[in-house]
N, C-alpha and C. Protein backbone atom coordinates (compact mmCIF):
# COMPACT_ATOMS: atom_id res chain seq x y z
N MET A 1 114.36 134.06 126.77
CA MET A 1 113.98 135.28 126.10
C MET A 1 114.72 135.39 124.77
N SER A 2 113.99 135.60 123.71
CA SER A 2 114.58 135.70 122.38
C SER A 2 115.22 137.06 122.15
N GLU A 3 116.18 137.07 121.23
CA GLU A 3 116.84 138.29 120.81
C GLU A 3 116.84 138.34 119.29
N ALA A 4 116.73 139.56 118.74
CA ALA A 4 116.78 139.74 117.29
C ALA A 4 117.85 140.77 116.96
N ASP A 5 118.70 140.44 116.01
CA ASP A 5 119.73 141.34 115.55
C ASP A 5 119.47 141.70 114.09
N PHE A 6 119.48 142.99 113.81
CA PHE A 6 119.37 143.48 112.45
C PHE A 6 120.74 143.98 112.03
N TYR A 7 121.20 143.55 110.86
CA TYR A 7 122.45 144.02 110.28
C TYR A 7 122.08 144.87 109.08
N VAL A 8 122.21 146.19 109.23
CA VAL A 8 121.79 147.13 108.20
C VAL A 8 122.99 147.47 107.33
N LEU A 9 122.93 147.03 106.08
CA LEU A 9 124.03 147.23 105.13
C LEU A 9 123.78 148.48 104.29
N PRO A 10 124.84 149.13 103.80
CA PRO A 10 124.66 150.30 102.95
C PRO A 10 124.25 149.94 101.52
N ALA A 11 124.43 148.70 101.14
CA ALA A 11 124.23 148.27 99.76
C ALA A 11 122.77 148.34 99.33
N SER A 12 122.58 148.60 98.04
CA SER A 12 121.25 148.56 97.46
C SER A 12 121.11 147.36 96.51
N ASP A 13 122.08 146.47 96.58
CA ASP A 13 122.09 145.26 95.75
C ASP A 13 121.58 144.09 96.61
N PRO A 14 120.48 143.45 96.22
CA PRO A 14 119.96 142.33 97.02
C PRO A 14 120.98 141.21 97.25
N GLU A 15 121.93 141.03 96.34
CA GLU A 15 122.94 139.98 96.49
C GLU A 15 123.87 140.26 97.67
N ALA A 16 123.95 141.52 98.09
CA ALA A 16 124.78 141.87 99.24
C ALA A 16 124.28 141.15 100.50
N ARG A 17 122.98 140.90 100.59
CA ARG A 17 122.42 140.16 101.73
C ARG A 17 123.02 138.76 101.77
N SER A 18 123.07 138.12 100.62
CA SER A 18 123.58 136.75 100.54
C SER A 18 125.05 136.68 100.88
N LEU A 19 125.81 137.63 100.40
CA LEU A 19 127.25 137.64 100.68
C LEU A 19 127.52 137.92 102.15
N PHE A 20 126.74 138.82 102.74
CA PHE A 20 126.91 139.10 104.17
C PHE A 20 126.50 137.89 105.00
N LEU A 21 125.52 137.15 104.52
CA LEU A 21 125.08 135.93 105.22
C LEU A 21 126.26 134.98 105.44
N CYS A 22 127.13 134.85 104.46
CA CYS A 22 128.30 133.98 104.62
C CYS A 22 129.15 134.43 105.80
N ARG A 23 129.34 135.73 105.95
CA ARG A 23 130.11 136.27 107.07
C ARG A 23 129.41 135.99 108.40
N LEU A 24 128.09 136.14 108.40
CA LEU A 24 127.32 135.85 109.62
C LEU A 24 127.46 134.39 110.02
N CYS A 25 127.37 133.50 109.04
CA CYS A 25 127.50 132.07 109.32
C CYS A 25 128.85 131.76 109.94
N GLU A 26 129.87 132.40 109.42
CA GLU A 26 131.22 132.22 109.96
C GLU A 26 131.27 132.63 111.43
N LYS A 27 130.66 133.76 111.74
CA LYS A 27 130.65 134.28 113.10
C LYS A 27 129.87 133.36 114.04
N VAL A 28 128.69 132.93 113.63
CA VAL A 28 127.86 132.06 114.46
C VAL A 28 128.54 130.71 114.67
N MET A 29 129.13 130.17 113.61
CA MET A 29 129.86 128.90 113.72
C MET A 29 131.02 129.04 114.70
N GLY A 30 131.69 130.19 114.68
CA GLY A 30 132.79 130.45 115.60
C GLY A 30 132.34 130.43 117.05
N ALA A 31 131.06 130.76 117.27
CA ALA A 31 130.50 130.74 118.63
C ALA A 31 129.96 129.36 118.99
N GLY A 32 130.05 128.42 118.05
CA GLY A 32 129.63 127.04 118.31
C GLY A 32 128.13 126.83 118.34
N LYS A 33 127.37 127.69 117.68
CA LYS A 33 125.91 127.58 117.68
C LYS A 33 125.42 127.03 116.33
N PRO A 34 124.44 126.12 116.36
CA PRO A 34 123.83 125.69 115.11
C PRO A 34 122.89 126.79 114.61
N LEU A 35 122.74 126.89 113.30
CA LEU A 35 121.85 127.91 112.77
C LEU A 35 121.04 127.38 111.60
N HIS A 36 119.87 127.97 111.47
CA HIS A 36 118.98 127.62 110.36
C HIS A 36 118.76 128.87 109.53
N ILE A 37 118.92 128.72 108.22
CA ILE A 37 118.70 129.82 107.29
C ILE A 37 117.36 129.59 106.62
N HIS A 38 116.41 130.48 106.89
CA HIS A 38 115.08 130.37 106.31
C HIS A 38 115.06 131.13 104.99
N CYS A 39 114.82 130.41 103.90
CA CYS A 39 114.85 130.99 102.56
C CYS A 39 113.43 131.17 102.02
N ALA A 40 113.29 132.06 101.06
CA ALA A 40 111.98 132.31 100.46
C ALA A 40 111.53 131.16 99.57
N SER A 41 112.49 130.42 99.02
CA SER A 41 112.14 129.36 98.06
C SER A 41 113.27 128.33 97.98
N GLU A 42 112.96 127.23 97.32
CA GLU A 42 113.98 126.20 97.09
C GLU A 42 115.10 126.76 96.22
N GLU A 43 114.76 127.62 95.26
CA GLU A 43 115.77 128.21 94.39
C GLU A 43 116.74 129.09 95.18
N GLU A 44 116.19 129.89 96.12
CA GLU A 44 117.06 130.73 96.94
C GLU A 44 117.95 129.86 97.82
N ALA A 45 117.40 128.78 98.37
CA ALA A 45 118.19 127.88 99.21
C ALA A 45 119.34 127.27 98.39
N ALA A 46 119.07 126.88 97.16
CA ALA A 46 120.11 126.31 96.30
C ALA A 46 121.19 127.35 96.00
N HIS A 47 120.78 128.58 95.77
CA HIS A 47 121.74 129.67 95.51
C HIS A 47 122.62 129.91 96.73
N LEU A 48 122.01 129.99 97.92
CA LEU A 48 122.78 130.21 99.14
C LEU A 48 123.67 129.01 99.46
N ASP A 49 123.19 127.82 99.17
CA ASP A 49 123.99 126.61 99.34
C ASP A 49 125.29 126.73 98.54
N GLN A 50 125.17 127.16 97.30
CA GLN A 50 126.34 127.32 96.44
C GLN A 50 127.28 128.40 96.98
N LEU A 51 126.72 129.53 97.42
CA LEU A 51 127.55 130.61 97.96
C LEU A 51 128.32 130.15 99.20
N LEU A 52 127.67 129.38 100.06
CA LEU A 52 128.35 128.90 101.27
C LEU A 52 129.51 127.97 100.91
N TRP A 53 129.35 127.16 99.85
CA TRP A 53 130.44 126.28 99.42
C TRP A 53 131.59 127.08 98.84
N GLU A 54 131.26 128.19 98.17
CA GLU A 54 132.29 129.00 97.51
C GLU A 54 132.92 130.05 98.42
N HIS A 55 132.37 130.22 99.62
CA HIS A 55 132.91 131.21 100.56
C HIS A 55 134.38 130.90 100.83
N LYS A 56 135.06 131.80 101.45
CA LYS A 56 136.51 131.67 101.68
C LYS A 56 136.94 130.23 101.96
N PRO A 57 137.95 129.75 101.24
CA PRO A 57 138.42 128.37 101.43
C PRO A 57 138.85 128.06 102.86
N GLU A 58 139.40 129.06 103.57
CA GLU A 58 139.86 128.83 104.93
C GLU A 58 138.72 128.85 105.95
N ALA A 59 137.51 129.13 105.49
CA ALA A 59 136.35 129.21 106.40
C ALA A 59 135.32 128.16 106.00
N PHE A 60 135.60 126.92 106.27
CA PHE A 60 134.67 125.84 105.93
C PHE A 60 133.39 126.00 106.72
N LEU A 61 132.27 126.04 106.04
CA LEU A 61 130.96 126.21 106.67
C LEU A 61 130.10 124.99 106.37
N PRO A 62 130.16 123.95 107.23
CA PRO A 62 129.40 122.72 106.97
C PRO A 62 127.90 123.00 107.02
N HIS A 63 127.25 122.72 105.90
CA HIS A 63 125.83 123.03 105.79
C HIS A 63 125.14 122.03 104.87
N THR A 64 123.82 122.07 104.90
CA THR A 64 123.04 121.19 104.04
C THR A 64 121.64 121.76 103.86
N LEU A 65 121.02 121.36 102.77
CA LEU A 65 119.61 121.66 102.60
C LEU A 65 118.86 120.77 103.59
N ILE A 66 117.92 121.32 104.33
CA ILE A 66 117.28 120.59 105.40
C ILE A 66 116.49 119.37 104.90
N ALA A 67 116.12 119.38 103.64
CA ALA A 67 115.38 118.25 103.08
C ALA A 67 116.22 116.97 103.05
N SER A 68 117.53 117.11 103.16
CA SER A 68 118.40 115.93 103.16
C SER A 68 118.73 115.54 104.60
N GLU A 69 119.07 114.28 104.79
CA GLU A 69 119.43 113.79 106.13
C GLU A 69 120.87 114.19 106.41
N SER A 70 121.07 114.99 107.46
CA SER A 70 122.41 115.42 107.80
C SER A 70 122.42 115.98 109.21
N THR A 71 123.59 116.00 109.79
CA THR A 71 123.75 116.61 111.11
C THR A 71 124.60 117.87 111.00
N ALA A 72 124.63 118.48 109.83
CA ALA A 72 125.42 119.70 109.64
C ALA A 72 124.91 120.81 110.56
N PRO A 73 125.82 121.63 111.08
CA PRO A 73 125.40 122.69 112.00
C PRO A 73 124.65 123.85 111.33
N ILE A 74 124.75 123.95 110.01
CA ILE A 74 124.02 124.99 109.27
C ILE A 74 123.03 124.28 108.35
N THR A 75 121.76 124.65 108.47
CA THR A 75 120.73 124.10 107.58
C THR A 75 120.09 125.24 106.80
N LEU A 76 119.67 124.90 105.58
CA LEU A 76 118.92 125.83 104.74
C LEU A 76 117.58 125.19 104.44
N GLY A 77 116.52 125.95 104.59
CA GLY A 77 115.19 125.42 104.32
C GLY A 77 114.25 126.51 103.85
N TRP A 78 113.09 126.11 103.42
CA TRP A 78 112.07 127.03 102.93
C TRP A 78 110.71 126.49 103.37
N GLY A 79 109.69 127.31 103.24
CA GLY A 79 108.36 126.86 103.65
C GLY A 79 108.34 126.56 105.14
N ASP A 80 107.83 125.38 105.49
CA ASP A 80 107.74 125.02 106.91
C ASP A 80 108.86 124.08 107.36
N GLN A 81 109.94 124.00 106.59
CA GLN A 81 111.07 123.16 106.97
C GLN A 81 111.88 123.83 108.09
N ARG A 82 112.07 123.09 109.18
CA ARG A 82 112.84 123.60 110.31
C ARG A 82 113.69 122.48 110.89
N PRO A 83 114.81 122.84 111.48
CA PRO A 83 115.64 121.85 112.18
C PRO A 83 115.04 121.57 113.56
N GLU A 84 115.63 120.64 114.29
CA GLU A 84 115.14 120.33 115.63
C GLU A 84 115.57 121.38 116.65
N HIS A 85 116.72 122.02 116.44
CA HIS A 85 117.20 123.01 117.42
C HIS A 85 116.42 124.33 117.30
N LEU A 86 116.49 125.10 118.36
CA LEU A 86 115.87 126.43 118.39
C LEU A 86 116.91 127.48 118.79
N GLN A 87 118.09 127.38 118.19
CA GLN A 87 119.19 128.27 118.56
C GLN A 87 119.17 129.57 117.76
N VAL A 88 119.64 129.50 116.50
CA VAL A 88 119.77 130.70 115.68
C VAL A 88 118.96 130.53 114.40
N PHE A 89 118.13 131.52 114.12
CA PHE A 89 117.27 131.54 112.93
C PHE A 89 117.66 132.76 112.11
N VAL A 90 118.10 132.54 110.87
CA VAL A 90 118.45 133.64 109.98
C VAL A 90 117.32 133.77 108.96
N ASN A 91 116.66 134.91 108.97
CA ASN A 91 115.52 135.11 108.08
C ASN A 91 115.97 135.77 106.78
N MET A 92 116.08 134.99 105.73
CA MET A 92 116.42 135.53 104.42
C MET A 92 115.18 135.72 103.56
N ALA A 93 114.04 135.21 104.01
CA ALA A 93 112.77 135.44 103.32
C ALA A 93 112.23 136.79 103.78
N LEU A 94 111.31 137.36 103.06
CA LEU A 94 110.75 138.64 103.48
C LEU A 94 109.72 138.45 104.58
N ASP A 95 108.92 137.40 104.49
CA ASP A 95 107.92 137.13 105.52
C ASP A 95 108.55 136.29 106.62
N LEU A 96 108.24 136.66 107.85
CA LEU A 96 108.76 135.93 109.00
C LEU A 96 107.74 134.90 109.45
N PRO A 97 108.11 133.62 109.48
CA PRO A 97 107.18 132.61 109.98
C PRO A 97 106.99 132.77 111.49
N GLU A 98 105.79 132.52 111.95
CA GLU A 98 105.46 132.72 113.36
C GLU A 98 106.35 131.92 114.30
N ASP A 99 106.71 130.69 113.90
CA ASP A 99 107.53 129.86 114.79
C ASP A 99 108.97 130.36 114.92
N ALA A 100 109.38 131.33 114.13
CA ALA A 100 110.72 131.90 114.27
C ALA A 100 110.88 132.58 115.62
N LEU A 101 109.78 133.04 116.19
CA LEU A 101 109.82 133.74 117.48
C LEU A 101 110.23 132.81 118.62
N LYS A 102 110.25 131.51 118.38
CA LYS A 102 110.64 130.54 119.41
C LYS A 102 112.16 130.38 119.52
N TYR A 103 112.88 130.85 118.52
CA TYR A 103 114.34 130.69 118.51
C TYR A 103 114.99 131.63 119.52
N ALA A 104 116.13 131.21 120.05
CA ALA A 104 116.85 132.03 121.02
C ALA A 104 117.36 133.32 120.38
N ARG A 105 117.75 133.22 119.13
CA ARG A 105 118.30 134.38 118.43
C ARG A 105 117.82 134.37 116.99
N ILE A 106 117.41 135.55 116.52
CA ILE A 106 116.94 135.73 115.15
C ILE A 106 117.82 136.78 114.51
N LEU A 107 118.28 136.51 113.29
CA LEU A 107 119.13 137.45 112.57
C LEU A 107 118.44 137.89 111.29
N GLU A 108 118.50 139.19 111.01
CA GLU A 108 117.94 139.76 109.79
C GLU A 108 119.02 140.59 109.11
N VAL A 109 119.17 140.43 107.80
CA VAL A 109 120.13 141.22 107.04
C VAL A 109 119.32 142.19 106.17
N VAL A 110 119.60 143.48 106.33
CA VAL A 110 118.84 144.53 105.66
C VAL A 110 119.70 145.21 104.61
N VAL A 111 119.17 145.32 103.40
CA VAL A 111 119.80 146.12 102.35
C VAL A 111 118.83 147.23 101.95
N GLN A 112 119.34 148.22 101.27
CA GLN A 112 118.55 149.39 100.92
C GLN A 112 117.73 149.15 99.65
N VAL A 113 116.81 148.21 99.76
CA VAL A 113 115.90 147.85 98.67
C VAL A 113 114.49 147.96 99.25
N PRO A 114 113.57 148.64 98.56
CA PRO A 114 112.25 148.91 99.14
C PRO A 114 111.53 147.71 99.74
N ASP A 115 111.47 146.58 99.05
CA ASP A 115 110.71 145.45 99.60
C ASP A 115 111.40 144.85 100.83
N VAL A 116 112.73 144.86 100.84
CA VAL A 116 113.47 144.35 102.01
C VAL A 116 113.28 145.31 103.19
N LEU A 117 113.38 146.60 102.94
CA LEU A 117 113.20 147.58 104.00
C LEU A 117 111.79 147.48 104.61
N GLN A 118 110.80 147.37 103.76
CA GLN A 118 109.42 147.27 104.25
C GLN A 118 109.22 146.00 105.09
N ALA A 119 109.72 144.89 104.61
CA ALA A 119 109.54 143.62 105.33
C ALA A 119 110.29 143.63 106.66
N THR A 120 111.51 144.14 106.68
CA THR A 120 112.27 144.12 107.93
C THR A 120 111.72 145.12 108.95
N ARG A 121 111.13 146.21 108.47
CA ARG A 121 110.46 147.12 109.41
C ARG A 121 109.26 146.43 110.05
N LYS A 122 108.52 145.71 109.24
CA LYS A 122 107.36 144.95 109.76
C LYS A 122 107.83 143.92 110.79
N ASN A 123 108.92 143.22 110.49
CA ASN A 123 109.46 142.23 111.42
C ASN A 123 109.96 142.89 112.70
N TYR A 124 110.56 144.05 112.57
CA TYR A 124 111.04 144.80 113.75
C TYR A 124 109.87 145.06 114.70
N ARG A 125 108.76 145.53 114.16
CA ARG A 125 107.57 145.80 114.99
C ARG A 125 107.05 144.50 115.62
N LEU A 126 107.08 143.42 114.86
CA LEU A 126 106.63 142.13 115.38
C LEU A 126 107.49 141.69 116.57
N TYR A 127 108.79 141.87 116.46
CA TYR A 127 109.69 141.52 117.57
C TYR A 127 109.37 142.37 118.80
N GLN A 128 109.21 143.67 118.59
CA GLN A 128 108.88 144.55 119.71
C GLN A 128 107.56 144.14 120.36
N ASP A 129 106.56 143.84 119.54
CA ASP A 129 105.24 143.45 120.06
C ASP A 129 105.30 142.16 120.87
N ASN A 130 106.31 141.34 120.62
CA ASN A 130 106.46 140.06 121.32
C ASN A 130 107.56 140.11 122.38
N ASN A 131 107.93 141.31 122.79
CA ASN A 131 108.92 141.52 123.85
C ASN A 131 110.26 140.85 123.58
N ILE A 132 110.65 140.84 122.32
CA ILE A 132 111.95 140.31 121.93
C ILE A 132 112.95 141.46 121.92
N THR A 133 114.08 141.26 122.56
CA THR A 133 115.13 142.28 122.60
C THR A 133 115.67 142.47 121.19
N VAL A 134 115.68 143.72 120.71
CA VAL A 134 116.13 144.02 119.36
C VAL A 134 117.40 144.85 119.41
N ARG A 135 118.38 144.45 118.60
CA ARG A 135 119.64 145.19 118.47
C ARG A 135 119.82 145.57 117.01
N MET A 136 120.23 146.80 116.79
CA MET A 136 120.52 147.28 115.45
C MET A 136 122.04 147.33 115.29
N ASN A 137 122.53 146.73 114.23
CA ASN A 137 123.96 146.76 113.91
C ASN A 137 124.08 147.51 112.59
N ASP A 138 124.38 148.79 112.67
CA ASP A 138 124.43 149.64 111.49
C ASP A 138 125.78 149.50 110.81
N MET A 139 125.81 148.80 109.71
CA MET A 139 127.05 148.54 108.97
C MET A 139 127.34 149.63 107.95
N ARG A 140 126.50 150.68 107.95
CA ARG A 140 126.66 151.77 106.97
C ARG A 140 127.75 152.75 107.40
N ARG A 141 128.24 152.63 108.60
CA ARG A 141 129.26 153.58 109.11
C ARG A 141 130.65 153.16 108.74
């Protein structure tokens, strides 16, 4: 049974999603789970790749763009690029690919930006319609 976690941030800056993603990766890596970050485009994947390298020096986050051959526990991809595992799927794109529902855990980072709010509300309903357990993590408090 899949689970979806929404992390609702108080920020209205889209870049806050990317910065929070680094913290999420740290947490998931600490739990020993591989994760895939689904990006809207190759440009977004390259940007997130750079942010993950620049994240806290004491928190090494081994990752790679999925187009390259690697066994890194964190992959970044766009379009229909997916890793072989079905553990953790982080949706950084606005549209959720249908095959994301096959992952054990799906993570969404929400900021107070109209297009992000609209897309994540749509995804929330999709998870409910597919009997996926949804948890809200309100970071605005």
